[in-house]
């Protein structure tokens, strides 16, 4: 595999130096930045802008123990069960024990969590939880409201600098570990950035698949760069396909998510005949862990030959639905569906990567100076299947822990970032339609590495993806689309290899053969 996405033709025109660099401006990146010592100069790079991220789009909420009748040990047990026993128990204990402290911090920061009629935190329930412990903000806009608040506070800090519309290309290393990184702006101008502390909060891999709830920017650039830099991976076969993406006759790009909270508030899964089909499949029926619900829907679609099933929440008053789920209510209404009177058509779509760059309890990877938080990381919390709404809590807890470790182990960067560039050969210029190639990769992955997998399909996909990766590695293009396609190919190969290596079905990884 290529060590660097760039080749010898790249000559950076700009050079900079920061104590800490965070790539990604979602919840993990912002909260990490806010927990750094004010004496450390930090730069937060965003591929586009802060409103284009998985964090911003997160609807459901944050799973955390705040109720008197709940307990971290109960949250721990629900997480372990959902993760099919493959969670790192130490990481889960850190999550559930320390999470309430971080929520108290968010409350002090004035994140506008929704309150009930008594002025207390409003808590709901989602799949896999045995207690109402999901906090939400703006009804179904928890991610957006949290990111807005954290970004505003970060913008007031003198030590935090934001750089939007900047593409993260490569991690630079030397004998001590991370030495810096290479980025480029929208005009294709490259820049070397010197730092000894690099935190990857680059989000998901949604563009690996044809349909995803992730935004178009989710091409896994940070994950792929970490792989090239020698970071260890874990759990790449464990990909969560959300059971209830809004089905559309004419897809509009990013799949719109019908939050699990809709089922938590009484929504029932039904087929076209109006019959519930999850009853008897699991004790929690519609609120079973997501992998079970996704397979239940997938199998019902195979049985009926139809492209979707339905959520029925017509038992709830329209005024209440419009208040509790304003984003979902209005988006469905825009598409001609009044969720108070009409069934909502849904089908499984790619949603979340449980695996990623393997980290320890302080978000450290095996590459000295390289940290990973949020969806880019495999902290061990999720195991084989993520418990609903644990992801935002993971961003907070491990984003803070990464900052704490940097505060206590800080090392200054090289005095000049001009010394960082490696000597590389020049590769032939590629003449490829990169968008057409992306669609081909997406078809391969969606057909062979979706909710249900087979050995034959995985082996076919691996052969095709290795051929594509070989072609991309043999040449070079300075275009952003090339960088993204290279990332997608690297990640796809890693996913398929992991899926082939794990022969048993467990959690979100389900093999028929």
Protein backbone atom coordinates (compact mmCIF):
# COMPACT_ATOMS: atom_id res chain seq x y z
CA UNK A 1 0.00 0.00 0.00
CA UNK A 2 1.06 3.58 -0.63
CA UNK A 3 2.57 5.30 2.40
CA UNK A 4 1.43 8.71 1.15
CA UNK A 5 -1.44 9.83 -1.06
CA UNK A 6 0.78 12.61 -2.44
CA UNK A 7 3.69 11.99 -4.80
CA UNK A 8 6.95 13.76 -5.60
CA UNK A 9 5.24 16.37 -7.78
CA UNK A 10 3.62 18.01 -4.75
CA UNK A 11 5.40 21.15 -3.57
CA UNK A 12 3.66 22.79 -0.58
CA UNK A 13 3.34 26.55 -0.91
CA UNK A 14 2.40 27.18 2.72
CA UNK A 15 3.81 26.10 6.07
CA UNK A 16 2.40 26.41 9.58
CA UNK A 17 3.04 25.21 13.11
CA UNK A 18 0.59 24.37 15.93
CA UNK A 19 0.85 22.74 19.34
CA UNK A 20 -2.19 20.57 18.62
CA UNK A 21 -4.08 19.89 15.40
CA UNK A 22 -7.60 18.48 15.40
CA UNK A 23 -9.03 17.31 12.10
CA UNK A 24 -12.81 17.42 12.21
CA UNK A 25 -15.21 19.97 13.70
CA UNK A 26 -17.92 17.68 15.02
CA UNK A 27 -18.66 17.05 18.68
CA UNK A 28 -15.50 15.01 19.34
CA UNK A 29 -13.19 17.60 17.78
CA UNK A 30 -14.85 20.62 19.36
CA UNK A 31 -15.06 19.12 22.84
CA UNK A 32 -11.45 17.97 22.64
CA UNK A 33 -10.38 21.50 21.69
CA UNK A 34 -12.35 23.00 24.58
CA UNK A 35 -10.63 20.70 27.06
CA UNK A 36 -7.10 21.56 25.95
CA UNK A 37 -4.95 23.80 28.12
CA UNK A 38 -5.45 27.46 27.10
CA UNK A 39 -1.68 27.68 26.78
CA UNK A 40 -1.71 25.30 23.78
CA UNK A 41 -2.23 26.76 20.32
CA UNK A 42 -4.78 24.53 18.61
CA UNK A 43 -5.99 24.46 15.02
CA UNK A 44 -9.26 22.74 14.11
CA UNK A 45 -9.48 21.82 10.43
CA UNK A 46 -12.86 21.16 8.81
CA UNK A 47 -13.24 19.58 5.39
CA UNK A 48 -16.10 21.96 4.66
CA UNK A 49 -18.03 23.79 7.41
CA UNK A 50 -19.24 22.75 10.85
CA UNK A 51 -22.82 22.24 9.65
CA UNK A 52 -21.71 19.44 7.31
CA UNK A 53 -20.89 16.55 9.61
CA UNK A 54 -22.40 13.44 11.14
CA UNK A 55 -22.51 15.23 14.50
CA UNK A 56 -24.59 18.07 13.06
CA UNK A 57 -27.03 15.57 11.53
CA UNK A 58 -27.40 13.40 14.66
CA UNK A 59 -31.08 13.31 15.58
CA UNK A 60 -31.69 10.87 18.41
CA UNK A 61 -29.75 12.18 21.36
CA UNK A 62 -27.14 11.29 23.96
CA UNK A 63 -27.44 8.14 26.07
CA UNK A 64 -26.36 8.89 29.63
CA UNK A 65 -27.43 8.11 33.19
CA UNK A 66 -29.14 11.15 34.73
CA UNK A 67 -32.34 9.69 36.23
CA UNK A 68 -32.66 8.59 39.88
CA UNK A 69 -33.98 5.16 38.84
CA UNK A 70 -31.07 4.55 36.43
CA UNK A 71 -27.54 3.44 37.16
CA UNK A 72 -24.22 3.33 35.20
CA UNK A 73 -24.12 -0.43 35.72
CA UNK A 74 -27.45 -0.79 33.90
CA UNK A 75 -26.13 1.37 31.06
CA UNK A 76 -23.00 -0.82 31.04
CA UNK A 77 -25.07 -4.00 30.73
CA UNK A 78 -27.20 -2.64 27.88
CA UNK A 79 -24.04 -1.58 26.03
CA UNK A 80 -22.39 -4.99 26.48
CA UNK A 81 -25.52 -6.82 25.31
CA UNK A 82 -25.88 -4.63 22.22
CA UNK A 83 -22.18 -5.11 21.45
CA UNK A 84 -22.68 -8.88 21.47
CA UNK A 85 -20.05 -9.32 24.15
CA UNK A 86 -17.22 -7.90 22.03
CA UNK A 87 -16.98 -4.54 23.80
CA UNK A 88 -13.87 -3.58 25.74
CA UNK A 89 -15.37 -3.61 29.23
CA UNK A 90 -12.85 -1.11 30.60
CA UNK A 91 -13.77 1.36 27.85
CA UNK A 92 -17.48 0.87 28.49
CA UNK A 93 -16.98 1.54 32.20
CA UNK A 94 -15.15 4.76 31.35
CA UNK A 95 -18.02 5.76 29.06
CA UNK A 96 -20.90 5.12 31.45
CA UNK A 97 -19.10 6.25 34.64
CA UNK A 98 -17.63 9.49 33.29
CA UNK A 99 -20.37 10.40 30.83
CA UNK A 100 -22.67 12.06 33.38
CA UNK A 101 -19.85 14.46 34.30
CA UNK A 102 -19.49 15.55 30.67
CA UNK A 103 -23.23 16.05 30.37
CA UNK A 104 -23.13 18.30 33.42
CA UNK A 105 -20.40 20.25 31.62
CA UNK A 106 -22.61 20.61 28.53
CA UNK A 107 -25.46 21.85 30.70
CA UNK A 108 -23.14 24.48 32.22
CA UNK A 109 -22.17 25.41 28.65
CA UNK A 110 -25.89 26.00 27.97
CA UNK A 111 -26.45 23.22 25.48
CA UNK A 112 -30.27 23.52 25.24
CA UNK A 113 -31.40 20.04 26.28
CA UNK A 114 -35.17 19.60 26.12
CA UNK A 115 -37.05 19.72 29.42
CA UNK A 116 -40.31 18.11 30.44
CA UNK A 117 -43.36 19.85 31.90
CA UNK A 118 -41.73 19.84 35.34
CA UNK A 119 -38.60 21.63 34.12
CA UNK A 120 -36.49 18.46 34.36
CA UNK A 121 -34.39 16.85 31.65
CA UNK A 122 -36.69 15.06 29.22
CA UNK A 123 -35.55 11.48 28.71
CA UNK A 124 -36.66 9.04 26.05
CA UNK A 125 -35.76 5.46 25.18
CA UNK A 126 -34.24 3.89 22.07
CA UNK A 127 -33.47 0.37 20.92
CA UNK A 128 -31.49 -1.81 23.33
CA UNK A 129 -32.01 0.44 26.37
CA UNK A 130 -33.98 -0.80 29.36
CA UNK A 131 -34.30 2.69 30.85
CA UNK A 132 -35.32 6.10 29.52
CA UNK A 133 -31.88 7.71 29.41
CA UNK A 134 -31.69 9.47 26.02
CA UNK A 135 -31.34 13.25 26.35
CA UNK A 136 -32.27 15.34 23.34
CA UNK A 137 -32.21 18.95 22.21
CA UNK A 138 -34.36 20.75 19.69
CA UNK A 139 -36.63 17.70 19.63
CA UNK A 140 -34.72 15.67 17.06
CA UNK A 141 -31.81 18.06 16.45
CA UNK A 142 -29.49 17.11 19.31
CA UNK A 143 -26.34 17.06 17.20
CA UNK A 144 -27.02 20.41 15.62
CA UNK A 145 -27.77 22.14 18.91
CA UNK A 146 -24.72 20.65 20.63
CA UNK A 147 -22.34 21.52 17.79
CA UNK A 148 -23.66 25.08 17.58
CA UNK A 149 -23.07 25.63 21.28
CA UNK A 150 -19.60 24.08 21.37
CA UNK A 151 -18.51 25.86 18.20
CA UNK A 152 -19.60 29.23 19.57
CA UNK A 153 -17.69 28.73 22.81
CA UNK A 154 -14.60 27.50 20.93
CA UNK A 155 -14.72 30.57 18.67
CA UNK A 156 -14.32 32.74 21.79
CA UNK A 157 -11.12 30.98 22.88
CA UNK A 158 -7.92 32.79 21.93
CA UNK A 159 -5.95 29.54 21.61
CA UNK A 160 -8.32 27.86 19.12
CA UNK A 161 -8.15 28.63 15.42
CA UNK A 162 -10.68 27.30 12.88
CA UNK A 163 -9.75 26.47 9.28
CA UNK A 164 -12.77 25.57 7.14
CA UNK A 165 -12.82 24.11 3.63
CA UNK A 166 -9.49 22.38 4.11
CA UNK A 167 -8.84 18.83 2.95
CA UNK A 168 -6.73 16.55 5.12
CA UNK A 169 -4.37 14.56 2.89
CA UNK A 170 -1.59 12.79 4.81
CA UNK A 171 0.01 12.21 8.20
CA UNK A 172 3.72 13.00 8.37
CA UNK A 173 5.86 10.94 10.72
CA UNK A 174 9.47 10.67 11.83
CA UNK A 175 11.36 8.53 14.33
CA UNK A 176 9.39 10.03 17.22
CA UNK A 177 5.92 9.48 15.72
CA UNK A 178 3.66 12.22 14.39
CA UNK A 179 5.61 15.18 13.03
CA UNK A 180 2.80 16.92 11.17
CA UNK A 181 0.32 16.65 8.35
CA UNK A 182 -0.38 17.75 4.82
CA UNK A 183 -3.57 19.62 3.94
CA UNK A 184 -4.79 21.50 0.90
CA UNK A 185 -7.36 24.21 0.31
CA UNK A 186 -10.18 24.33 -2.23
CA UNK A 187 -7.80 25.80 -4.80
CA UNK A 188 -5.52 22.77 -4.51
CA UNK A 189 -2.77 24.65 -2.67
CA UNK A 190 -0.84 22.27 -0.40
CA UNK A 191 0.37 23.15 3.09
CA UNK A 192 2.60 21.37 5.58
CA UNK A 193 1.54 21.70 9.21
CA UNK A 194 4.00 20.86 11.97
CA UNK A 195 2.65 19.34 15.18
CA UNK A 196 3.47 16.51 17.58
CA UNK A 197 -0.18 16.05 18.60
CA UNK A 198 -2.72 15.14 15.93
CA UNK A 199 -6.31 14.21 16.84
CA UNK A 200 -8.40 12.58 14.12
CA UNK A 201 -12.11 13.30 14.49
CA UNK A 202 -12.89 12.87 10.81
CA UNK A 203 -16.20 11.05 11.15
CA UNK A 204 -17.62 8.23 9.10
CA UNK A 205 -17.26 6.32 5.85
CA UNK A 206 -20.73 6.74 4.38
CA UNK A 207 -19.58 7.21 0.79
CA UNK A 208 -18.33 3.60 0.76
CA UNK A 209 -21.98 2.63 0.17
CA UNK A 210 -24.61 3.75 -2.33
CA UNK A 211 -27.05 4.90 0.33
CA UNK A 212 -26.04 6.39 3.66
CA UNK A 213 -27.29 8.79 6.29
CA UNK A 214 -23.82 10.38 6.25
CA UNK A 215 -23.12 13.59 4.30
CA UNK A 216 -21.21 13.53 1.03
CA UNK A 217 -18.00 14.58 2.82
CA UNK A 218 -17.88 11.27 4.76
CA UNK A 219 -15.19 9.57 2.70
CA UNK A 220 -13.06 8.33 5.60
CA UNK A 221 -10.04 10.47 4.78
CA UNK A 222 -8.69 10.43 8.35
CA UNK A 223 -9.15 6.68 8.69
CA UNK A 224 -7.37 6.01 5.39
CA UNK A 225 -4.49 8.36 6.26
CA UNK A 226 -4.11 6.59 9.61
CA UNK A 227 -3.97 3.23 7.84
CA UNK A 228 -1.24 4.52 5.53
CA UNK A 229 0.68 5.81 8.57
CA UNK A 230 0.65 2.36 10.18
CA UNK A 231 -2.16 2.73 12.72
CA UNK A 232 -3.73 -0.51 13.93
CA UNK A 233 -7.36 -1.19 13.05
CA UNK A 234 -10.08 -3.02 14.95
CA UNK A 235 -13.59 -4.20 14.11
CA UNK A 236 -13.75 -2.98 10.51
CA UNK A 237 -16.34 -5.66 9.70
CA UNK A 238 -18.79 -4.10 12.15
CA UNK A 239 -20.81 -1.55 10.23
CA UNK A 240 -24.18 -0.39 11.43
CA UNK A 241 -26.92 -0.23 8.88
CA UNK A 242 -29.68 1.86 10.38
CA UNK A 243 -32.95 -0.02 10.08
CA UNK A 244 -35.05 3.00 9.18
CA UNK A 245 -33.73 5.28 6.51
CA UNK A 246 -36.56 7.12 4.77
CA UNK A 247 -37.28 5.23 1.54
CA UNK A 248 -37.82 7.28 -1.57
CA UNK A 249 -38.79 6.38 -5.13
CA UNK A 250 -36.36 9.09 -6.24
CA UNK A 251 -33.38 9.25 -3.82
CA UNK A 252 -32.03 12.77 -3.21
CA UNK A 253 -28.47 11.91 -2.23
CA UNK A 254 -27.95 11.50 1.52
CA UNK A 255 -30.54 9.17 3.00
CA UNK A 256 -32.78 10.92 5.50
CA UNK A 257 -32.89 9.16 8.85
CA UNK A 258 -36.06 8.30 10.70
CA UNK A 259 -34.64 8.33 14.20
CA UNK A 260 -34.93 5.34 16.48
CA UNK A 261 -36.65 7.69 18.88
CA UNK A 262 -39.74 7.49 16.66
CA UNK A 263 -40.00 3.81 17.60
CA UNK A 264 -39.06 4.71 21.15
CA UNK A 265 -42.10 6.99 21.27
CA UNK A 266 -44.47 4.29 20.02
CA UNK A 267 -43.78 3.81 16.32
CA UNK A 268 -44.52 0.27 15.08
CA UNK A 269 -42.88 -1.55 12.16
CA UNK A 270 -45.41 -2.95 9.71
CA UNK A 271 -45.39 -4.48 6.25
CA UNK A 272 -47.54 -3.33 3.33
CA UNK A 273 -50.46 -5.35 4.71
CA UNK A 274 -50.28 -3.41 7.98
CA UNK A 275 -48.99 -6.40 9.96
CA UNK A 276 -46.25 -6.04 12.58
CA UNK A 277 -43.37 -8.40 11.80
CA UNK A 278 -40.88 -7.83 14.64
CA UNK A 279 -43.16 -9.32 17.29
CA UNK A 280 -41.68 -12.67 18.34
CA UNK A 281 -38.32 -11.90 16.73
CA UNK A 282 -36.93 -10.31 19.91
CA UNK A 283 -38.25 -9.50 23.38
CA UNK A 284 -38.04 -5.78 22.60
CA UNK A 285 -39.68 -6.17 19.15
CA UNK A 286 -39.28 -2.79 17.35
CA UNK A 287 -36.84 -1.64 20.03
CA UNK A 288 -34.42 -4.55 19.64
CA UNK A 289 -30.76 -3.67 18.95
CA UNK A 290 -30.33 -2.13 15.53
CA UNK A 291 -28.65 -5.09 13.83
CA UNK A 292 -31.60 -7.32 14.72
CA UNK A 293 -34.14 -4.77 13.51
CA UNK A 294 -32.17 -4.14 10.31
CA UNK A 295 -32.07 -7.87 9.51
CA UNK A 296 -35.75 -8.19 10.41
CA UNK A 297 -36.62 -5.49 7.89
CA UNK A 298 -34.18 -6.87 5.30
CA UNK A 299 -35.70 -10.36 5.58
CA UNK A 300 -39.24 -9.03 5.44
CA UNK A 301 -38.36 -7.14 2.26
CA UNK A 302 -36.87 -10.32 0.79
CA UNK A 303 -39.97 -12.29 1.77
CA UNK A 304 -42.40 -9.82 0.20
CA UNK A 305 -40.19 -8.73 -2.69
CA UNK A 306 -40.84 -5.10 -1.76
CA UNK A 307 -38.30 -2.30 -1.47
CA UNK A 308 -39.37 -1.03 1.95
CA UNK A 309 -41.53 -1.51 5.02
CA UNK A 310 -43.30 1.09 7.16
CA UNK A 311 -43.26 2.82 10.54
CA UNK A 312 -46.72 3.52 11.93
CA UNK A 313 -46.82 6.28 14.55
CA UNK A 314 -50.32 7.48 13.68
CA UNK A 315 -51.42 6.67 17.22
CA UNK A 316 -49.75 9.88 18.42
CA UNK A 317 -51.35 13.36 18.14
CA UNK A 318 -50.08 15.47 15.26
CA UNK A 319 -49.27 18.43 17.49
CA UNK A 320 -47.14 16.23 19.72
CA UNK A 321 -45.28 14.67 16.77
CA UNK A 322 -44.58 18.07 15.22
CA UNK A 323 -43.15 19.27 18.53
CA UNK A 324 -41.12 16.16 19.41
CA UNK A 325 -39.83 15.43 15.89
CA UNK A 326 -39.85 18.77 14.03
CA UNK A 327 -37.07 17.82 11.60
CA UNK A 328 -38.63 14.46 10.71
CA UNK A 329 -42.18 15.82 10.65
CA UNK A 330 -41.31 18.67 8.28
CA UNK A 331 -39.05 16.63 6.00
CA UNK A 332 -41.70 13.93 5.62
CA UNK A 333 -44.34 16.60 5.02
CA UNK A 334 -42.13 18.08 2.29
CA UNK A 335 -42.22 14.66 0.64
CA UNK A 336 -45.98 14.35 0.92
CA UNK A 337 -46.07 12.20 4.07
CA UNK A 338 -47.96 13.39 7.13
CA UNK A 339 -46.57 11.09 9.81
CA UNK A 340 -49.62 11.69 12.03
CA UNK A 341 -51.85 10.11 9.38
CA UNK A 342 -49.58 8.21 6.97
CA UNK A 343 -47.24 5.26 7.40
CA UNK A 344 -43.57 6.22 6.89
CA UNK A 345 -41.77 4.11 4.23
CA UNK A 346 -38.36 2.96 5.49
CA UNK A 347 -35.51 0.59 4.61
CA UNK A 348 -32.02 -0.16 5.98
CA UNK A 349 -29.22 2.24 4.98
CA UNK A 350 -25.58 2.59 5.97
CA UNK A 351 -25.30 4.65 9.13
CA UNK A 352 -22.25 4.14 11.35
CA UNK A 353 -18.82 2.49 11.53
CA UNK A 354 -18.30 0.68 14.85
CA UNK A 355 -14.71 -0.24 14.01
CA UNK A 356 -11.89 2.07 13.07
CA UNK A 357 -8.46 3.09 14.35
CA UNK A 358 -7.75 1.12 17.51
CA UNK A 359 -7.23 3.35 20.53
CA UNK A 360 -6.61 2.98 24.25
CA UNK A 361 -8.59 4.59 27.05
CA UNK A 362 -7.05 8.00 26.30
CA UNK A 363 -7.78 7.86 22.55
CA UNK A 364 -4.12 7.11 21.78
CA UNK A 365 -3.29 5.00 18.72
CA UNK A 366 -0.18 2.87 18.26
CA UNK A 367 1.44 5.78 16.37
CA UNK A 368 2.98 8.12 19.00
CA UNK A 369 1.25 11.51 18.96
CA UNK A 370 -1.72 10.26 16.92
CA UNK A 371 -5.14 10.21 18.59
CA UNK A 372 -8.53 9.21 17.23
CA UNK A 373 -11.96 10.09 18.61
CA UNK A 374 -15.56 9.65 17.56
CA UNK A 375 -16.51 7.50 14.61
CA UNK A 376 -12.95 7.40 13.26
CA UNK A 377 -11.86 5.51 16.36
CA UNK A 378 -12.45 2.06 17.73
CA UNK A 379 -12.35 2.77 21.45
CA UNK A 380 -13.83 -0.66 22.16
CA UNK A 381 -17.08 0.83 23.44
CA UNK A 382 -19.34 -0.43 20.65
CA UNK A 383 -18.12 -3.99 20.12
CA UNK A 384 -20.06 -5.72 17.36
CA UNK A 385 -23.00 -3.32 17.43
CA UNK A 386 -23.42 0.23 18.74
CA UNK A 387 -26.06 0.78 21.39
CA UNK A 388 -28.32 3.62 20.26
CA UNK A 389 -27.10 7.15 21.13
CA UNK A 390 -23.87 5.97 22.75
CA UNK A 391 -21.89 7.60 19.95
CA UNK A 392 -22.25 11.22 21.00
CA UNK A 393 -21.37 10.32 24.58
CA UNK A 394 -18.28 8.50 23.26
CA UNK A 395 -17.27 11.68 21.38
CA UNK A 396 -17.46 13.68 24.60
CA UNK A 397 -15.77 11.26 26.98
CA UNK A 398 -12.87 10.26 24.75
CA UNK A 399 -12.48 13.70 23.18
CA UNK A 400 -11.95 15.05 26.69
CA UNK A 401 -9.61 12.20 27.60
CA UNK A 402 -7.49 12.85 24.49
CA UNK A 403 -7.17 16.49 25.55
CA UNK A 404 -6.22 15.48 29.09
CA UNK A 405 -3.45 13.23 27.80
CA UNK A 406 -2.12 15.95 25.48
CA UNK A 407 -2.16 18.47 28.34
CA UNK A 408 -0.01 16.16 30.46
CA UNK A 409 2.41 14.93 27.76
CA UNK A 410 2.80 17.96 25.49
CA UNK A 411 5.83 18.13 23.20
CA UNK A 412 6.54 21.11 20.93
CA UNK A 413 6.53 20.67 17.16
CA UNK A 414 9.55 20.96 14.91
CA UNK A 415 10.56 24.59 14.56
CA UNK A 416 10.06 24.53 10.78
CA UNK A 417 7.40 22.58 8.92
CA UNK A 418 9.45 22.97 5.72
CA UNK A 419 11.65 20.11 6.95
CA UNK A 420 8.74 17.67 7.03
CA UNK A 421 8.23 16.75 3.38
CA UNK A 422 9.39 13.22 2.48
CA UNK A 423 11.30 12.52 -0.74
CA UNK A 424 8.84 10.68 -2.98
CA UNK A 425 8.80 9.42 -6.57
CA UNK A 426 6.52 11.01 -9.14
CA UNK A 427 3.66 8.72 -10.18
CA UNK A 428 1.97 8.88 -13.62
CA UNK A 429 -0.93 11.30 -13.96
CA UNK A 430 -4.25 9.43 -13.87
CA UNK A 431 -6.95 10.12 -16.43
CA UNK A 432 -10.01 8.62 -14.72
CA UNK A 433 -13.61 9.67 -14.21
CA UNK A 434 -13.38 9.59 -10.41
CA UNK A 435 -17.11 10.01 -9.79
CA UNK A 436 -17.89 7.10 -12.10
CA UNK A 437 -15.27 5.04 -10.29
CA UNK A 438 -16.80 5.98 -6.94
CA UNK A 439 -20.23 4.79 -8.05
CA UNK A 440 -18.68 1.51 -9.17
CA UNK A 441 -17.05 1.02 -5.76
CA UNK A 442 -20.31 1.86 -4.02
CA UNK A 443 -22.20 -0.72 -6.07
CA UNK A 444 -19.62 -3.38 -5.24
CA UNK A 445 -19.80 -2.68 -1.52
CA UNK A 446 -23.59 -2.29 -1.39
CA UNK A 447 -24.16 -5.57 -3.24
CA UNK A 448 -21.64 -7.64 -1.29
CA UNK A 449 -21.02 -6.06 2.12
CA UNK A 450 -24.46 -4.91 3.24
CA UNK A 451 -26.80 -6.18 6.01
CA UNK A 452 -26.36 -9.84 5.00
CA UNK A 453 -23.07 -11.15 3.59
CA UNK A 454 -21.77 -14.31 1.91
CA UNK A 455 -18.27 -15.68 1.40
CA UNK A 456 -18.70 -15.70 -2.36
CA UNK A 457 -19.86 -12.09 -2.43
CA UNK A 458 -17.06 -10.91 -0.16
CA UNK A 459 -14.38 -12.69 -2.17
CA UNK A 460 -15.72 -11.20 -5.41
CA UNK A 461 -15.80 -7.73 -3.84
CA UNK A 462 -12.25 -8.08 -2.50
CA UNK A 463 -10.83 -9.01 -5.89
CA UNK A 464 -12.55 -6.05 -7.55
CA UNK A 465 -11.60 -3.55 -4.86
CA UNK A 466 -7.95 -4.65 -4.83
CA UNK A 467 -7.82 -4.12 -8.57
CA UNK A 468 -9.24 -0.62 -8.17
CA UNK A 469 -6.88 0.19 -5.30
CA UNK A 470 -3.93 -1.02 -7.39
CA UNK A 471 -4.92 1.25 -10.27
CA UNK A 472 -5.30 4.27 -7.98
CA UNK A 473 -2.00 3.56 -6.23
CA UNK A 474 -0.10 3.26 -9.50
CA UNK A 475 -0.81 6.86 -10.48
CA UNK A 476 -1.61 10.25 -9.01
CA UNK A 477 -3.96 13.17 -9.41
CA UNK A 478 -3.94 16.40 -7.47
CA UNK A 479 -7.73 16.43 -7.41
CA UNK A 480 -9.82 16.07 -4.28
CA UNK A 481 -11.85 13.33 -5.96
CA UNK A 482 -8.70 11.25 -6.38
CA UNK A 483 -7.85 11.59 -2.70
CA UNK A 484 -11.38 10.61 -1.71
CA UNK A 485 -11.53 7.62 -4.06
CA UNK A 486 -8.16 6.41 -2.78
CA UNK A 487 -9.51 6.65 0.78
CA UNK A 488 -12.68 4.76 -0.12
CA UNK A 489 -10.72 1.99 -1.84
CA UNK A 490 -8.33 1.57 1.11
CA UNK A 491 -11.20 1.45 3.59
CA UNK A 492 -13.28 -0.92 1.46
CA UNK A 493 -10.43 -3.43 1.24
CA UNK A 494 -9.96 -3.26 5.01
CA UNK A 495 -13.69 -3.83 5.61
CA UNK A 496 -13.89 -6.81 3.26
CA UNK A 497 -10.75 -8.45 4.63
CA UNK A 498 -12.09 -8.15 8.16
CA UNK A 499 -15.50 -9.49 7.09
CA UNK A 500 -13.88 -12.51 5.45
CA UNK A 501 -11.66 -13.17 8.46
CA UNK A 502 -14.64 -13.29 10.83
CA UNK A 503 -16.56 -16.33 9.67
CA UNK A 504 -19.17 -16.38 12.41
CA UNK A 505 -22.14 -14.04 12.46
CA UNK A 506 -22.13 -11.67 15.39
CA UNK A 507 -23.69 -8.28 15.98
CA UNK A 508 -23.84 -6.14 12.86
CA UNK A 509 -21.66 -8.65 10.95
CA UNK A 510 -24.02 -11.29 9.57
CA UNK A 511 -22.94 -14.00 7.17
CA UNK A 512 -25.22 -16.48 5.48
CA UNK A 513 -22.17 -18.42 4.31
